[in-house]
Amino acid sequence: MWTWFYKLASPPHVYGVAAALTPWFSALAALAIGYGTIAGLAFAPPDYQQGDAFRIIYVHAPAAWLSLFAYTTMAVAGGIGLIWRIKMGHAVAAATAPIGASFTLLALVTGSLWGRPMWGTYWAWDPRLTSELILLFLYIGVMSLRPAFEDPGRGDRAAALLSIVGVVNVPIIHYSVLWWNSLHQGATVAKIGKPAMPGSMLWPLLSMLLGFMLFYGAVLCIRVRGEVLNRERQAAWVREAVKT
């Protein structure tokens, strides 16, 4: 039953799976993002309050969601590396950190651009904005901590511990609009009952979310392959793989 799990401890297996998944994720991401972009920008009607300014949601919302998803993935992978001593867990964590940081930065930038016409300012110390900024600092901390140790194993463990401790910020970001007075709008898709968006706006958003997820998967596979090659560069199978 656990055979599939322990296969994740095999660098050649992880490298091969990542190589096989990359083109599939890339092609499907291009289709989903292409449809979402065209439908969202050209065919979705303007919002009755925000006008065409709302269209930034098709980048901002998926980027924000992926910033949380990537951090959770990083923490889980780091936890696997710590608990089961599976080095590939640390490799996945190291590979996902820059991707998650990029999504977080994109969410902050697009949120600021959206906030200017809506709130009259690019930045407000809103609970969700502030906790999202803290998430970016956590990503930077994890990325900085790993190379700070001469021993790569110690660096992996330290980065994993920080990512696990920092995962408490993920539910804070998600529920901040409910727990505190917030300028940020509440949930419009992930809510009990009918979503607060019409289908003409919702389907492009869901397509963009799927596309961002697939894009994240494709880039993660590429980066995982690089991490595996770097960590296993002295192994015989790596030399064979490079030759082929």
C-alpha atoms as a PDB file:
ATOM      1  CA  MET A   1       0.000   0.000   0.000  1.00  0.00           C
ATOM      2  CA  TRP A   2       2.813   2.376   0.869  1.00  0.00           C
ATOM      3  CA  THR A   3       4.978   1.365  -2.093  1.00  0.00           C
ATOM      4  CA  TRP A   4       4.055   4.495  -4.044  1.00  0.00           C
ATOM      5  CA  PHE A   5       5.007   6.670  -1.064  1.00  0.00           C
ATOM      6  CA  TYR A   6       8.432   5.141  -0.591  1.00  0.00           C
ATOM      7  CA  LYS A   7       9.113   5.414  -4.309  1.00  0.00           C
ATOM      8  CA  LEU A   8       9.262   9.139  -3.630  1.00  0.00           C
ATOM      9  CA  ALA A   9      12.523   8.457  -1.802  1.00  0.00           C
ATOM     10  CA  SER A  10      14.113   7.342  -5.082  1.00  0.00           C
ATOM     11  CA  PRO A  11      15.733  10.254  -6.941  1.00  0.00           C
ATOM     12  CA  PRO A  12      15.662   8.479 -10.349  1.00  0.00           C
ATOM     13  CA  HIS A  13      11.946   7.741  -9.892  1.00  0.00           C
ATOM     14  CA  VAL A  14      11.137  11.335  -8.930  1.00  0.00           C
ATOM     15  CA  TYR A  15      13.230  12.636 -11.828  1.00  0.00           C
ATOM     16  CA  GLY A  16      11.451  10.361 -14.295  1.00  0.00           C
ATOM     17  CA  VAL A  17       7.957  11.203 -13.045  1.00  0.00           C
ATOM     18  CA  ALA A  18       8.715  14.940 -13.179  1.00  0.00           C
ATOM     19  CA  ALA A  19      10.043  14.601 -16.727  1.00  0.00           C
ATOM     20  CA  ALA A  20       6.935  12.702 -17.846  1.00  0.00           C
ATOM     21  CA  LEU A  21       4.473  15.155 -16.277  1.00  0.00           C
ATOM     22  CA  THR A  22       6.082  18.391 -17.463  1.00  0.00           C
ATOM     23  CA  PRO A  23       4.767  18.440 -21.075  1.00  0.00           C
ATOM     24  CA  TRP A  24       1.258  17.431 -19.988  1.00  0.00           C
ATOM     25  CA  PHE A  25       1.055  20.116 -17.347  1.00  0.00           C
ATOM     26  CA  SER A  26       2.496  22.706 -19.743  1.00  0.00           C
ATOM     27  CA  ALA A  27       0.067  21.968 -22.573  1.00  0.00           C
ATOM     28  CA  LEU A  28      -3.004  21.860 -20.336  1.00  0.00           C
ATOM     29  CA  ALA A  29      -1.916  25.056 -18.553  1.00  0.00           C
ATOM     30  CA  ALA A  30      -1.622  26.873 -21.885  1.00  0.00           C
ATOM     31  CA  LEU A  31      -5.137  25.782 -22.884  1.00  0.00           C
ATOM     32  CA  ALA A  32      -6.736  26.715 -19.552  1.00  0.00           C
ATOM     33  CA  ILE A  33      -4.967  30.072 -19.244  1.00  0.00           C
ATOM     34  CA  GLY A  34      -5.664  30.862 -22.903  1.00  0.00           C
ATOM     35  CA  TYR A  35      -9.384  30.235 -22.510  1.00  0.00           C
ATOM     36  CA  GLY A  36      -9.568  32.087 -19.188  1.00  0.00           C
ATOM     37  CA  THR A  37      -7.715  35.111 -20.555  1.00  0.00           C
ATOM     38  CA  ILE A  38      -9.838  35.443 -23.692  1.00  0.00           C
ATOM     39  CA  ALA A  39     -13.145  34.769 -21.932  1.00  0.00           C
ATOM     40  CA  GLY A  40     -12.307  36.969 -18.968  1.00  0.00           C
ATOM     41  CA  LEU A  41     -10.986  39.963 -20.880  1.00  0.00           C
ATOM     42  CA  ALA A  42     -13.149  39.871 -23.996  1.00  0.00           C
ATOM     43  CA  PHE A  43     -16.443  38.190 -23.138  1.00  0.00           C
ATOM     44  CA  ALA A  44     -17.108  38.590 -19.412  1.00  0.00           C
ATOM     45  CA  PRO A  45     -19.372  41.587 -18.767  1.00  0.00           C
ATOM     46  CA  PRO A  46     -18.116  44.553 -16.716  1.00  0.00           C
ATOM     47  CA  ASP A  47     -18.852  44.446 -13.008  1.00  0.00           C
ATOM     48  CA  TYR A  48     -21.837  46.611 -12.067  1.00  0.00           C
ATOM     49  CA  GLN A  49     -19.786  48.444  -9.399  1.00  0.00           C
ATOM     50  CA  GLN A  50     -16.133  48.161 -10.472  1.00  0.00           C
ATOM     51  CA  GLY A  51     -16.559  48.260 -14.220  1.00  0.00           C
ATOM     52  CA  ASP A  52     -13.674  46.790 -16.211  1.00  0.00           C
ATOM     53  CA  ALA A  53     -11.283  47.223 -13.282  1.00  0.00           C
ATOM     54  CA  PHE A  54     -12.563  43.950 -11.831  1.00  0.00           C
ATOM     55  CA  ARG A  55     -10.852  41.992 -14.636  1.00  0.00           C
ATOM     56  CA  ILE A  56      -7.596  41.998 -12.706  1.00  0.00           C
ATOM     57  CA  ILE A  57      -9.254  39.310 -10.590  1.00  0.00           C
ATOM     58  CA  TYR A  58      -8.367  36.788 -13.297  1.00  0.00           C
ATOM     59  CA  VAL A  59      -4.702  37.155 -12.361  1.00  0.00           C
ATOM     60  CA  HIS A  60      -4.907  38.335  -8.761  1.00  0.00           C
ATOM     61  CA  ALA A  61      -7.191  35.654  -7.317  1.00  0.00           C
ATOM     62  CA  PRO A  62      -5.378  32.634  -8.849  1.00  0.00           C
ATOM     63  CA  ALA A  63      -2.001  34.090  -7.853  1.00  0.00           C
ATOM     64  CA  ALA A  64      -3.179  34.618  -4.267  1.00  0.00           C
ATOM     65  CA  TRP A  65      -4.614  31.104  -4.064  1.00  0.00           C
ATOM     66  CA  LEU A  66      -1.436  29.575  -5.485  1.00  0.00           C
ATOM     67  CA  SER A  67       0.671  31.525  -2.984  1.00  0.00           C
ATOM     68  CA  LEU A  68      -1.122  29.647  -0.182  1.00  0.00           C
ATOM     69  CA  PHE A  69      -1.184  26.312  -1.993  1.00  0.00           C
ATOM     70  CA  ALA A  70       2.530  26.458  -2.786  1.00  0.00           C
ATOM     71  CA  TYR A  71       3.421  27.340   0.807  1.00  0.00           C
ATOM     72  CA  THR A  72       1.347  24.439   2.116  1.00  0.00           C
ATOM     73  CA  THR A  73       3.034  22.129  -0.406  1.00  0.00           C
ATOM     74  CA  MET A  74       6.435  23.378   0.723  1.00  0.00           C
ATOM     75  CA  ALA A  75       5.602  22.791   4.394  1.00  0.00           C
ATOM     76  CA  VAL A  76       4.213  19.296   3.745  1.00  0.00           C
ATOM     77  CA  ALA A  77       7.243  18.348   1.637  1.00  0.00           C
ATOM     78  CA  GLY A  78       9.578  19.687   4.309  1.00  0.00           C
ATOM     79  CA  GLY A  79       7.660  17.732   6.948  1.00  0.00           C
ATOM     80  CA  ILE A  80       8.031  14.544   4.913  1.00  0.00           C
ATOM     81  CA  GLY A  81      11.744  15.207   4.699  1.00  0.00           C
ATOM     82  CA  LEU A  82      11.999  15.727   8.460  1.00  0.00           C
ATOM     83  CA  ILE A  83       9.758  12.893   9.660  1.00  0.00           C
ATOM     84  CA  TRP A  84      10.581  10.131   7.184  1.00  0.00           C
ATOM     85  CA  ARG A  85      14.047  11.444   6.281  1.00  0.00           C
ATOM     86  CA  ILE A  86      13.147  11.391   2.608  1.00  0.00           C
ATOM     87  CA  LYS A  87      15.611  13.697   0.900  1.00  0.00           C
ATOM     88  CA  MET A  88      13.318  14.185  -2.069  1.00  0.00           C
ATOM     89  CA  GLY A  89      10.882  15.906   0.287  1.00  0.00           C
ATOM     90  CA  HIS A  90      13.493  18.574   0.911  1.00  0.00           C
ATOM     91  CA  ALA A  91      14.165  18.754  -2.832  1.00  0.00           C
ATOM     92  CA  VAL A  92      10.489  19.441  -3.568  1.00  0.00           C
ATOM     93  CA  ALA A  93      10.369  22.028  -0.777  1.00  0.00           C
ATOM     94  CA  ALA A  94      13.446  23.794  -2.148  1.00  0.00           C
ATOM     95  CA  ALA A  95      12.014  23.706  -5.672  1.00  0.00           C
ATOM     96  CA  THR A  96       8.634  25.141  -4.735  1.00  0.00           C
ATOM     97  CA  ALA A  97       9.846  28.052  -2.573  1.00  0.00           C
ATOM     98  CA  PRO A  98      10.799  30.463  -5.412  1.00  0.00           C
ATOM     99  CA  ILE A  99       7.621  29.601  -7.309  1.00  0.00           C
ATOM    100  CA  GLY A 100       5.456  30.332  -4.287  1.00  0.00           C
ATOM    101  CA  ALA A 101       7.338  33.558  -3.617  1.00  0.00           C
ATOM    102  CA  SER A 102       6.712  34.657  -7.215  1.00  0.00           C
ATOM    103  CA  PHE A 103       2.977  33.968  -6.916  1.00  0.00           C
ATOM    104  CA  THR A 104       2.892  35.880  -3.622  1.00  0.00           C
ATOM    105  CA  LEU A 105       4.653  38.888  -5.141  1.00  0.00           C
ATOM    106  CA  LEU A 106       2.287  38.783  -8.126  1.00  0.00           C
ATOM    107  CA  ALA A 107      -0.715  38.682  -5.776  1.00  0.00           C
ATOM    108  CA  LEU A 108       0.602  41.688  -3.834  1.00  0.00           C
ATOM    109  CA  VAL A 109       1.357  43.738  -6.954  1.00  0.00           C
ATOM    110  CA  THR A 110      -1.965  43.008  -8.667  1.00  0.00           C
ATOM    111  CA  GLY A 111      -3.795  43.579  -5.389  1.00  0.00           C
ATOM    112  CA  SER A 112      -2.174  46.991  -5.063  1.00  0.00           C
ATOM    113  CA  LEU A 113      -3.076  47.890  -8.647  1.00  0.00           C
ATOM    114  CA  TRP A 114      -6.651  46.789  -7.984  1.00  0.00           C
ATOM    115  CA  GLY A 115      -6.772  48.649  -4.680  1.00  0.00           C
ATOM    116  CA  ARG A 116      -5.847  52.012  -6.211  1.00  0.00           C
ATOM    117  CA  PRO A 117      -9.154  52.593  -8.057  1.00  0.00           C
ATOM    118  CA  MET A 118     -11.229  50.749  -5.448  1.00  0.00           C
ATOM    119  CA  TRP A 119      -9.758  52.100  -2.193  1.00  0.00           C
ATOM    120  CA  GLY A 120      -8.010  55.233  -3.425  1.00  0.00           C
ATOM    121  CA  THR A 121      -4.545  53.935  -2.416  1.00  0.00           C
ATOM    122  CA  TYR A 122      -2.094  51.324  -3.604  1.00  0.00           C
ATOM    123  CA  TRP A 123      -1.515  49.982  -0.110  1.00  0.00           C
ATOM    124  CA  ALA A 124      -3.509  49.804   3.092  1.00  0.00           C
ATOM    125  CA  TRP A 125      -2.445  47.876   6.164  1.00  0.00           C
ATOM    126  CA  ASP A 126      -5.423  45.620   5.704  1.00  0.00           C
ATOM    127  CA  PRO A 127      -5.291  42.270   7.596  1.00  0.00           C
ATOM    128  CA  ARG A 128      -5.230  40.197   4.421  1.00  0.00           C
ATOM    129  CA  LEU A 129      -2.668  42.394   2.663  1.00  0.00           C
ATOM    130  CA  THR A 130      -0.441  42.448   5.742  1.00  0.00           C
ATOM    131  CA  SER A 131      -0.606  38.689   6.301  1.00  0.00           C
ATOM    132  CA  GLU A 132       0.095  38.100   2.586  1.00  0.00           C
ATOM    133  CA  LEU A 133       3.165  40.336   2.897  1.00  0.00           C
ATOM    134  CA  ILE A 134       4.275  38.258   5.900  1.00  0.00           C
ATOM    135  CA  LEU A 135       3.903  35.192   3.687  1.00  0.00           C
ATOM    136  CA  LEU A 136       6.351  36.716   1.207  1.00  0.00           C
ATOM    137  CA  PHE A 137       8.824  37.326   4.045  1.00  0.00           C
ATOM    138  CA  LEU A 138       8.421  33.684   5.129  1.00  0.00           C
ATOM    139  CA  TYR A 139       9.237  32.508   1.609  1.00  0.00           C
ATOM    140  CA  ILE A 140      12.302  34.746   1.547  1.00  0.00           C
ATOM    141  CA  GLY A 141      13.334  33.446   4.965  1.00  0.00           C
ATOM    142  CA  VAL A 142      13.040  29.819   3.866  1.00  0.00           C
ATOM    143  CA  MET A 143      15.020  30.486   0.684  1.00  0.00           C
ATOM    144  CA  SER A 144      17.713  32.366   2.620  1.00  0.00           C
ATOM    145  CA  LEU A 145      17.997  29.857   5.455  1.00  0.00           C
ATOM    146  CA  ARG A 146      18.793  26.797   3.355  1.00  0.00           C
ATOM    147  CA  PRO A 147      22.120  28.062   1.900  1.00  0.00           C
ATOM    148  CA  ALA A 148      23.093  29.705   5.215  1.00  0.00           C
ATOM    149  CA  PHE A 149      24.496  26.375   6.490  1.00  0.00           C
ATOM    150  CA  GLU A 150      27.615  24.712   5.178  1.00  0.00           C
ATOM    151  CA  ASP A 151      25.997  21.331   5.736  1.00  0.00           C
ATOM    152  CA  PRO A 152      23.150  20.980   3.168  1.00  0.00           C
ATOM    153  CA  GLY A 153      21.321  18.565   5.470  1.00  0.00           C
ATOM    154  CA  ARG A 154      21.186  21.090   8.292  1.00  0.00           C
ATOM    155  CA  GLY A 155      20.047  23.767   5.878  1.00  0.00           C
ATOM    156  CA  ASP A 156      17.227  21.535   4.655  1.00  0.00           C
ATOM    157  CA  ARG A 157      16.088  20.778   8.197  1.00  0.00           C
ATOM    158  CA  ALA A 158      16.207  24.422   9.285  1.00  0.00           C
ATOM    159  CA  ALA A 159      14.246  25.544   6.230  1.00  0.00           C
ATOM    160  CA  ALA A 160      11.694  22.774   6.792  1.00  0.00           C
ATOM    161  CA  LEU A 161      11.183  23.815  10.411  1.00  0.00           C
ATOM    162  CA  LEU A 162      10.633  27.448   9.442  1.00  0.00           C
ATOM    163  CA  SER A 163       8.166  26.495   6.721  1.00  0.00           C
ATOM    164  CA  ILE A 164       6.218  24.255   9.120  1.00  0.00           C
ATOM    165  CA  VAL A 165       6.073  26.960  11.801  1.00  0.00           C
ATOM    166  CA  GLY A 166       5.062  29.558   9.219  1.00  0.00           C
ATOM    167  CA  VAL A 167       2.184  27.476   7.872  1.00  0.00           C
ATOM    168  CA  VAL A 168       0.044  28.942  10.672  1.00  0.00           C
ATOM    169  CA  ASN A 169      -0.100  32.080   8.521  1.00  0.00           C
ATOM    170  CA  VAL A 170      -2.026  30.261   5.773  1.00  0.00           C
ATOM    171  CA  PRO A 171      -5.372  30.019   7.641  1.00  0.00           C
ATOM    172  CA  ILE A 172      -4.805  33.535   8.981  1.00  0.00           C
ATOM    173  CA  ILE A 173      -4.670  34.858   5.406  1.00  0.00           C
ATOM    174  CA  HIS A 174      -7.705  32.834   4.364  1.00  0.00           C
ATOM    175  CA  TYR A 175      -9.931  33.811   7.287  1.00  0.00           C
ATOM    176  CA  SER A 176      -8.605  37.333   7.874  1.00  0.00           C
ATOM    177  CA  VAL A 177     -11.598  38.917   6.125  1.00  0.00           C
ATOM    178  CA  LEU A 178     -13.892  37.126   8.599  1.00  0.00           C
ATOM    179  CA  TRP A 179     -11.879  37.553  11.793  1.00  0.00           C
ATOM    180  CA  TRP A 180     -11.100  41.285  11.464  1.00  0.00           C
ATOM    181  CA  ASN A 181     -12.538  44.409   9.872  1.00  0.00           C
ATOM    182  CA  SER A 182     -11.132  44.276   6.374  1.00  0.00           C
ATOM    183  CA  LEU A 183     -11.273  46.388   3.243  1.00  0.00           C
ATOM    184  CA  HIS A 184     -10.741  43.232   1.229  1.00  0.00           C
ATOM    185  CA  GLN A 185     -13.882  41.688  -0.204  1.00  0.00           C
ATOM    186  CA  GLY A 186     -15.050  38.349   1.172  1.00  0.00           C
ATOM    187  CA  ALA A 187     -15.246  35.029  -0.635  1.00  0.00           C
ATOM    188  CA  THR A 188     -17.150  35.051  -3.908  1.00  0.00           C
ATOM    189  CA  VAL A 189     -16.350  31.535  -5.173  1.00  0.00           C
ATOM    190  CA  ALA A 190     -15.434  29.302  -2.222  1.00  0.00           C
ATOM    191  CA  LYS A 191     -18.555  29.863  -0.187  1.00  0.00           C
ATOM    192  CA  ILE A 192     -21.462  27.750   0.977  1.00  0.00           C
ATOM    193  CA  GLY A 193     -24.342  27.939  -1.458  1.00  0.00           C
ATOM    194  CA  LYS A 194     -24.333  29.653  -4.825  1.00  0.00           C
ATOM    195  CA  PRO A 195     -21.200  31.649  -5.759  1.00  0.00           C
ATOM    196  CA  ALA A 196     -21.702  35.406  -5.856  1.00  0.00           C
ATOM    197  CA  MET A 197     -20.482  35.631  -9.473  1.00  0.00           C
ATOM    198  CA  PRO A 198     -22.495  34.941 -12.626  1.00  0.00           C
ATOM    199  CA  GLY A 199     -21.307  32.087 -14.802  1.00  0.00           C
ATOM    200  CA  SER A 200     -19.962  34.408 -17.501  1.00  0.00           C
ATOM    201  CA  MET A 201     -17.473  35.760 -14.934  1.00  0.00           C
ATOM    202  CA  LEU A 202     -17.023  32.606 -12.872  1.00  0.00           C
ATOM    203  CA  TRP A 203     -16.017  30.115 -15.562  1.00  0.00           C
ATOM    204  CA  PRO A 204     -13.074  32.196 -16.852  1.00  0.00           C
ATOM    205  CA  LEU A 205     -11.915  32.608 -13.242  1.00  0.00           C
ATOM    206  CA  LEU A 206     -12.085  28.866 -12.582  1.00  0.00           C
ATOM    207  CA  SER A 207     -10.245  28.237 -15.842  1.00  0.00           C
ATOM    208  CA  MET A 208      -7.498  30.660 -14.820  1.00  0.00           C
ATOM    209  CA  LEU A 209      -7.257  28.992 -11.418  1.00  0.00           C
ATOM    210  CA  LEU A 210      -6.894  25.589 -13.071  1.00  0.00           C
ATOM    211  CA  GLY A 211      -4.368  27.017 -15.521  1.00  0.00           C
ATOM    212  CA  PHE A 212      -2.285  28.543 -12.736  1.00  0.00           C
ATOM    213  CA  MET A 213      -2.367  25.221 -10.877  1.00  0.00           C
ATOM    214  CA  LEU A 214      -1.167  23.362 -13.960  1.00  0.00           C
ATOM    215  CA  PHE A 215       1.474  26.017 -14.658  1.00  0.00           C
ATOM    216  CA  TYR A 216       2.676  25.654 -11.067  1.00  0.00           C
ATOM    217  CA  GLY A 217       2.857  21.883 -11.579  1.00  0.00           C
ATOM    218  CA  ALA A 218       4.867  22.277 -14.795  1.00  0.00           C
ATOM    219  CA  VAL A 219       7.372  24.724 -13.307  1.00  0.00           C
ATOM    220  CA  LEU A 220       7.642  22.633 -10.140  1.00  0.00           C
ATOM    221  CA  CYS A 221       8.468  19.540 -12.198  1.00  0.00           C
ATOM    222  CA  ILE A 222      11.180  21.452 -14.070  1.00  0.00           C
ATOM    223  CA  ARG A 223      12.670  22.807 -10.862  1.00  0.00           C
ATOM    224  CA  VAL A 224      12.452  19.431  -9.099  1.00  0.00           C
ATOM    225  CA  ARG A 225      14.445  17.846 -11.930  1.00  0.00           C
ATOM    226  CA  GLY A 226      17.093  20.535 -11.479  1.00  0.00           C
ATOM    227  CA  GLU A 227      17.154  20.009  -7.705  1.00  0.00           C
ATOM    228  CA  VAL A 228      17.513  16.250  -8.114  1.00  0.00           C
ATOM    229  CA  LEU A 229      20.369  16.611 -10.598  1.00  0.00           C
ATOM    230  CA  ASN A 230      22.153  19.085  -8.326  1.00  0.00           C
ATOM    231  CA  ARG A 231      21.746  16.955  -5.200  1.00  0.00           C
ATOM    232  CA  GLU A 232      22.612  13.675  -6.914  1.00  0.00           C
ATOM    233  CA  ARG A 233      25.284  15.009  -9.262  1.00  0.00           C
ATOM    234  CA  GLN A 234      27.834  12.448  -8.035  1.00  0.00           C
ATOM    235  CA  ALA A 235      25.509   9.487  -8.621  1.00  0.00           C
ATOM    236  CA  ALA A 236      26.131   7.156 -11.556  1.00  0.00           C
ATOM    237  CA  TRP A 237      22.534   7.382 -12.796  1.00  0.00           C
ATOM    238  CA  VAL A 238      22.866  11.160 -13.142  1.00  0.00           C
ATOM    239  CA  ARG A 239      25.917  10.808 -15.343  1.00  0.00           C
ATOM    240  CA  GLU A 240      24.012   8.335 -17.489  1.00  0.00           C
ATOM    241  CA  ALA A 241      20.989  10.636 -17.677  1.00  0.00           C
ATOM    242  CA  VAL A 242      23.153  13.585 -18.725  1.00  0.00           C
ATOM    243  CA  LYS A 243      24.777  11.518 -21.480  1.00  0.00           C
ATOM    244  CA  THR A 244      21.393  10.524 -22.891  1.00  0.00           C
END
